[in-house]
Amino acid sequence: MGVTKSDLFSETQNELALAAKAFAHPARIAIIEYLLKSSSCINGDLVNELGLAQATISQHLRELKEIGVIQGTIEGTRVNYCINPGRWEEIKEQFNKIFDQYMPPPANNCC
C-alpha cells in the first residue's frame, strides 16, 4: 500500500495544516472573535451576531470543534460554546514557532 501525502509530513505539520484549514473561513474567524470577546455564547447569539443561518453556524462550529479549538456544554436545548484554553495555547505556540523563525534579510537584499 502506498504512502499517503500526509505521511510525508510530521505530525505537527499535519496538525497545523488542519488548524489553518479550520481558520480559513471568515465566518469561523468571526465566531472565534465573538467567543474571545464574550468568553461564551449560545448558538442563537451567533446567528444574531453574524446574520448566517443556524445550520451554517452549526457547520462552522463543528469544524472548529473538530480541531478542538472550541468546546461546548449542553444546557437544556442550547449549547454554550467557548474557547478551549489548552488547545488554543497549543495552536498558538505552533503558529508562533513558524512565525518566529522568520529573519528579515538585510536591507536591499531581498529576492
N, C-alpha and C. Protein backbone atom coordinates (compact mmCIF):
# COMPACT_ATOMS: atom_id res chain seq x y z
N MET A 1 0.84 -1.18 0.00
CA MET A 1 0.00 0.00 0.00
C MET A 1 0.89 1.25 0.00
N GLY A 2 0.52 2.24 -0.78
CA GLY A 2 1.33 3.45 -0.93
C GLY A 2 1.25 4.38 0.27
N VAL A 3 2.16 5.31 0.28
CA VAL A 3 2.22 6.31 1.32
C VAL A 3 1.25 7.43 0.99
N THR A 4 0.44 7.83 1.96
CA THR A 4 -0.45 8.97 1.72
C THR A 4 0.37 10.25 1.81
N LYS A 5 -0.10 11.28 1.18
CA LYS A 5 0.65 12.54 1.18
C LYS A 5 0.86 13.07 2.59
N SER A 6 -0.11 12.88 3.47
CA SER A 6 0.06 13.37 4.85
C SER A 6 1.17 12.61 5.58
N ASP A 7 1.46 11.37 5.14
CA ASP A 7 2.54 10.60 5.76
C ASP A 7 3.92 11.19 5.46
N LEU A 8 4.00 12.05 4.47
CA LEU A 8 5.28 12.66 4.12
C LEU A 8 5.67 13.78 5.08
N PHE A 9 4.73 14.20 5.92
CA PHE A 9 4.95 15.34 6.80
C PHE A 9 4.83 14.94 8.26
N SER A 10 5.41 15.76 9.12
CA SER A 10 5.40 15.45 10.54
C SER A 10 3.99 15.59 11.12
N GLU A 11 3.80 15.02 12.27
CA GLU A 11 2.51 15.13 12.97
C GLU A 11 2.19 16.60 13.24
N THR A 12 3.19 17.37 13.63
CA THR A 12 2.98 18.80 13.90
C THR A 12 2.58 19.54 12.63
N GLN A 13 3.23 19.24 11.51
CA GLN A 13 2.89 19.89 10.25
C GLN A 13 1.46 19.56 9.83
N ASN A 14 1.06 18.31 9.96
CA ASN A 14 -0.30 17.92 9.62
C ASN A 14 -1.31 18.57 10.54
N GLU A 15 -1.00 18.61 11.82
CA GLU A 15 -1.90 19.22 12.81
C GLU A 15 -2.06 20.72 12.55
N LEU A 16 -0.97 21.38 12.26
CA LEU A 16 -1.01 22.81 11.99
C LEU A 16 -1.78 23.11 10.70
N ALA A 17 -1.62 22.25 9.70
CA ALA A 17 -2.37 22.42 8.45
C ALA A 17 -3.87 22.26 8.68
N LEU A 18 -4.26 21.32 9.53
CA LEU A 18 -5.68 21.15 9.85
C LEU A 18 -6.22 22.38 10.58
N ALA A 19 -5.43 22.92 11.50
CA ALA A 19 -5.84 24.13 12.21
C ALA A 19 -5.99 25.29 11.23
N ALA A 20 -5.02 25.43 10.34
CA ALA A 20 -5.07 26.52 9.36
C ALA A 20 -6.30 26.38 8.47
N LYS A 21 -6.61 25.15 8.09
CA LYS A 21 -7.80 24.90 7.27
C LYS A 21 -9.07 25.29 8.03
N ALA A 22 -9.12 24.97 9.31
CA ALA A 22 -10.30 25.32 10.11
C ALA A 22 -10.44 26.83 10.27
N PHE A 23 -9.33 27.54 10.32
CA PHE A 23 -9.35 29.01 10.45
C PHE A 23 -9.56 29.70 9.10
N ALA A 24 -9.57 28.93 8.01
CA ALA A 24 -9.55 29.52 6.67
C ALA A 24 -10.92 29.92 6.13
N HIS A 25 -11.81 30.34 6.99
CA HIS A 25 -13.11 30.85 6.54
C HIS A 25 -13.45 32.07 7.39
N PRO A 26 -13.86 33.15 6.77
CA PRO A 26 -14.14 34.37 7.54
C PRO A 26 -15.23 34.19 8.60
N ALA A 27 -16.19 33.31 8.35
CA ALA A 27 -17.23 33.08 9.37
C ALA A 27 -16.63 32.45 10.61
N ARG A 28 -15.66 31.56 10.43
CA ARG A 28 -15.02 30.91 11.59
C ARG A 28 -14.16 31.90 12.35
N ILE A 29 -13.51 32.79 11.64
CA ILE A 29 -12.74 33.84 12.31
C ILE A 29 -13.69 34.73 13.10
N ALA A 30 -14.84 35.07 12.52
CA ALA A 30 -15.83 35.90 13.23
C ALA A 30 -16.35 35.18 14.46
N ILE A 31 -16.57 33.87 14.36
CA ILE A 31 -17.02 33.09 15.52
C ILE A 31 -15.97 33.12 16.61
N ILE A 32 -14.72 32.90 16.24
CA ILE A 32 -13.64 32.91 17.23
C ILE A 32 -13.52 34.28 17.88
N GLU A 33 -13.59 35.35 17.08
CA GLU A 33 -13.51 36.70 17.64
C GLU A 33 -14.67 36.96 18.61
N TYR A 34 -15.86 36.49 18.25
CA TYR A 34 -17.02 36.66 19.13
C TYR A 34 -16.81 35.91 20.44
N LEU A 35 -16.32 34.68 20.35
CA LEU A 35 -16.07 33.89 21.56
C LEU A 35 -14.99 34.52 22.43
N LEU A 36 -13.96 35.07 21.80
CA LEU A 36 -12.89 35.71 22.56
C LEU A 36 -13.38 36.93 23.33
N LYS A 37 -14.27 37.69 22.74
CA LYS A 37 -14.74 38.90 23.43
C LYS A 37 -15.86 38.61 24.43
N SER A 38 -16.62 37.53 24.21
CA SER A 38 -17.74 37.26 25.11
C SER A 38 -17.46 36.13 26.09
N SER A 39 -16.43 35.37 25.90
CA SER A 39 -15.98 34.23 26.70
C SER A 39 -16.91 33.03 26.64
N SER A 40 -18.13 33.17 26.17
CA SER A 40 -19.02 32.03 25.90
C SER A 40 -20.22 32.56 25.14
N CYS A 41 -20.95 31.67 24.55
CA CYS A 41 -22.15 32.12 23.82
C CYS A 41 -23.07 30.94 23.60
N ILE A 42 -24.22 31.24 23.08
CA ILE A 42 -25.18 30.23 22.67
C ILE A 42 -25.29 30.35 21.16
N ASN A 43 -25.51 29.23 20.48
CA ASN A 43 -25.58 29.22 19.03
C ASN A 43 -26.49 30.32 18.49
N GLY A 44 -27.61 30.57 19.13
CA GLY A 44 -28.54 31.61 18.70
C GLY A 44 -27.91 32.98 18.72
N ASP A 45 -27.02 33.23 19.67
CA ASP A 45 -26.31 34.51 19.73
C ASP A 45 -25.48 34.70 18.46
N LEU A 46 -24.85 33.65 18.00
CA LEU A 46 -24.03 33.74 16.80
C LEU A 46 -24.88 33.99 15.56
N VAL A 47 -26.05 33.40 15.51
CA VAL A 47 -26.96 33.63 14.38
C VAL A 47 -27.31 35.12 14.32
N ASN A 48 -27.63 35.70 15.47
CA ASN A 48 -27.96 37.13 15.51
C ASN A 48 -26.74 37.99 15.22
N GLU A 49 -25.60 37.62 15.72
CA GLU A 49 -24.37 38.40 15.56
C GLU A 49 -23.86 38.39 14.11
N LEU A 50 -23.87 37.22 13.49
CA LEU A 50 -23.26 37.07 12.17
C LEU A 50 -24.25 37.17 11.02
N GLY A 51 -25.52 36.96 11.30
CA GLY A 51 -26.53 37.04 10.25
C GLY A 51 -26.55 35.83 9.32
N LEU A 52 -25.96 34.73 9.75
CA LEU A 52 -25.97 33.50 8.97
C LEU A 52 -27.04 32.56 9.52
N ALA A 53 -27.47 31.61 8.71
CA ALA A 53 -28.46 30.64 9.15
C ALA A 53 -27.89 29.75 10.25
N GLN A 54 -28.77 29.26 11.11
CA GLN A 54 -28.32 28.41 12.21
C GLN A 54 -27.60 27.17 11.71
N ALA A 55 -28.08 26.58 10.62
CA ALA A 55 -27.41 25.39 10.06
C ALA A 55 -25.99 25.72 9.61
N THR A 56 -25.81 26.89 9.04
CA THR A 56 -24.48 27.32 8.59
C THR A 56 -23.56 27.54 9.79
N ILE A 57 -24.08 28.21 10.81
CA ILE A 57 -23.30 28.42 12.04
C ILE A 57 -22.92 27.09 12.65
N SER A 58 -23.87 26.16 12.70
CA SER A 58 -23.59 24.84 13.28
C SER A 58 -22.47 24.12 12.54
N GLN A 59 -22.45 24.23 11.22
CA GLN A 59 -21.38 23.59 10.43
C GLN A 59 -20.02 24.21 10.77
N HIS A 60 -19.97 25.53 10.87
CA HIS A 60 -18.71 26.20 11.21
C HIS A 60 -18.26 25.84 12.64
N LEU A 61 -19.21 25.77 13.55
CA LEU A 61 -18.88 25.37 14.93
C LEU A 61 -18.33 23.94 14.95
N ARG A 62 -18.91 23.07 14.14
CA ARG A 62 -18.45 21.68 14.07
C ARG A 62 -17.00 21.62 13.60
N GLU A 63 -16.67 22.42 12.58
CA GLU A 63 -15.29 22.46 12.08
C GLU A 63 -14.31 22.90 13.17
N LEU A 64 -14.70 23.91 13.93
CA LEU A 64 -13.83 24.41 15.00
C LEU A 64 -13.73 23.42 16.15
N LYS A 65 -14.82 22.71 16.42
CA LYS A 65 -14.80 21.69 17.47
C LYS A 65 -13.92 20.52 17.08
N GLU A 66 -13.92 20.17 15.78
CA GLU A 66 -13.13 19.02 15.33
C GLU A 66 -11.65 19.20 15.59
N ILE A 67 -11.15 20.43 15.51
CA ILE A 67 -9.72 20.64 15.82
C ILE A 67 -9.52 20.94 17.29
N GLY A 68 -10.62 21.02 18.05
CA GLY A 68 -10.53 21.19 19.50
C GLY A 68 -10.34 22.61 19.97
N VAL A 69 -10.42 23.59 19.08
CA VAL A 69 -10.16 24.98 19.48
C VAL A 69 -11.33 25.58 20.27
N ILE A 70 -12.53 25.01 20.08
CA ILE A 70 -13.67 25.42 20.90
C ILE A 70 -14.26 24.19 21.56
N GLN A 71 -15.02 24.44 22.60
CA GLN A 71 -15.72 23.37 23.30
C GLN A 71 -17.12 23.86 23.64
N GLY A 72 -18.02 22.93 23.84
CA GLY A 72 -19.39 23.31 24.14
C GLY A 72 -19.95 22.49 25.28
N THR A 73 -20.84 23.12 26.03
CA THR A 73 -21.56 22.43 27.10
C THR A 73 -23.05 22.57 26.83
N ILE A 74 -23.76 21.47 27.01
CA ILE A 74 -25.19 21.46 26.75
C ILE A 74 -25.93 21.92 27.99
N GLU A 75 -26.83 22.87 27.79
CA GLU A 75 -27.70 23.36 28.85
C GLU A 75 -29.13 23.33 28.32
N GLY A 76 -29.84 22.25 28.63
CA GLY A 76 -31.19 22.08 28.10
C GLY A 76 -31.15 21.86 26.61
N THR A 77 -31.81 22.74 25.86
CA THR A 77 -31.82 22.61 24.40
C THR A 77 -30.76 23.49 23.74
N ARG A 78 -29.94 24.14 24.53
CA ARG A 78 -28.92 25.05 23.99
C ARG A 78 -27.52 24.53 24.30
N VAL A 79 -26.59 25.00 23.50
CA VAL A 79 -25.18 24.66 23.72
C VAL A 79 -24.42 25.97 23.91
N ASN A 80 -23.67 26.05 24.99
CA ASN A 80 -22.79 27.19 25.24
C ASN A 80 -21.41 26.82 24.74
N TYR A 81 -20.83 27.68 23.90
CA TYR A 81 -19.51 27.43 23.35
C TYR A 81 -18.52 28.40 23.95
N CYS A 82 -17.28 27.95 24.04
CA CYS A 82 -16.19 28.83 24.48
C CYS A 82 -14.89 28.31 23.88
N ILE A 83 -13.87 29.13 23.97
CA ILE A 83 -12.53 28.74 23.53
C ILE A 83 -12.01 27.66 24.48
N ASN A 84 -11.40 26.62 23.92
CA ASN A 84 -10.74 25.60 24.72
C ASN A 84 -9.33 26.11 25.02
N PRO A 85 -9.07 26.58 26.25
CA PRO A 85 -7.80 27.27 26.53
C PRO A 85 -6.55 26.44 26.27
N GLY A 86 -6.57 25.16 26.60
CA GLY A 86 -5.39 24.33 26.38
C GLY A 86 -5.07 24.17 24.91
N ARG A 87 -6.08 23.88 24.13
CA ARG A 87 -5.87 23.69 22.69
C ARG A 87 -5.52 25.01 22.01
N TRP A 88 -6.14 26.10 22.48
CA TRP A 88 -5.83 27.43 21.94
C TRP A 88 -4.34 27.71 22.08
N GLU A 89 -3.79 27.44 23.25
CA GLU A 89 -2.37 27.68 23.50
C GLU A 89 -1.49 26.79 22.63
N GLU A 90 -1.89 25.52 22.45
CA GLU A 90 -1.11 24.62 21.61
C GLU A 90 -1.02 25.14 20.18
N ILE A 91 -2.16 25.53 19.62
CA ILE A 91 -2.18 26.02 18.24
C ILE A 91 -1.41 27.33 18.14
N LYS A 92 -1.59 28.19 19.12
CA LYS A 92 -0.88 29.48 19.14
C LYS A 92 0.63 29.25 19.15
N GLU A 93 1.09 28.33 19.97
CA GLU A 93 2.53 28.03 20.05
C GLU A 93 3.05 27.46 18.74
N GLN A 94 2.27 26.59 18.09
CA GLN A 94 2.70 26.00 16.83
C GLN A 94 2.85 27.08 15.75
N PHE A 95 1.87 27.97 15.66
CA PHE A 95 1.98 29.06 14.68
C PHE A 95 3.14 29.99 15.03
N ASN A 96 3.28 30.31 16.31
CA ASN A 96 4.37 31.21 16.72
C ASN A 96 5.74 30.62 16.39
N LYS A 97 5.91 29.31 16.52
CA LYS A 97 7.19 28.69 16.19
C LYS A 97 7.55 28.94 14.73
N ILE A 98 6.56 28.88 13.87
CA ILE A 98 6.83 29.15 12.45
C ILE A 98 7.12 30.63 12.23
N PHE A 99 6.24 31.50 12.74
CA PHE A 99 6.42 32.94 12.53
C PHE A 99 7.71 33.45 13.15
N ASP A 100 8.10 32.90 14.28
CA ASP A 100 9.31 33.37 14.96
C ASP A 100 10.59 32.95 14.23
N GLN A 101 10.51 32.01 13.30
CA GLN A 101 11.69 31.59 12.54
C GLN A 101 12.10 32.59 11.48
N TYR A 102 11.21 33.47 11.13
CA TYR A 102 11.50 34.43 10.06
C TYR A 102 12.52 35.45 10.52
N MET A 103 13.55 35.59 9.72
CA MET A 103 14.57 36.60 9.96
C MET A 103 14.59 37.48 8.71
N PRO A 104 14.22 38.75 8.84
CA PRO A 104 14.22 39.62 7.65
C PRO A 104 15.63 39.73 7.06
N PRO A 105 15.70 39.75 5.73
CA PRO A 105 17.01 39.88 5.11
C PRO A 105 17.57 41.28 5.35
N PRO A 106 18.87 41.41 5.23
CA PRO A 106 19.46 42.75 5.36
C PRO A 106 18.83 43.69 4.33
N ALA A 107 18.84 44.95 4.62
CA ALA A 107 18.25 45.96 3.73
C ALA A 107 18.78 45.79 2.32
N ASN A 108 17.92 45.96 1.35
CA ASN A 108 18.25 45.88 -0.08
C ASN A 108 18.80 44.51 -0.48
N ASN A 109 18.51 43.48 0.28
CA ASN A 109 19.00 42.14 -0.07
C ASN A 109 17.84 41.16 0.00
N CYS A 110 16.86 41.38 -0.85
CA CYS A 110 15.68 40.53 -0.86
C CYS A 110 15.50 39.95 -2.25
N CYS A 111 14.89 38.78 -2.33
CA CYS A 111 14.69 38.13 -3.64
C CYS A 111 13.60 38.80 -4.46
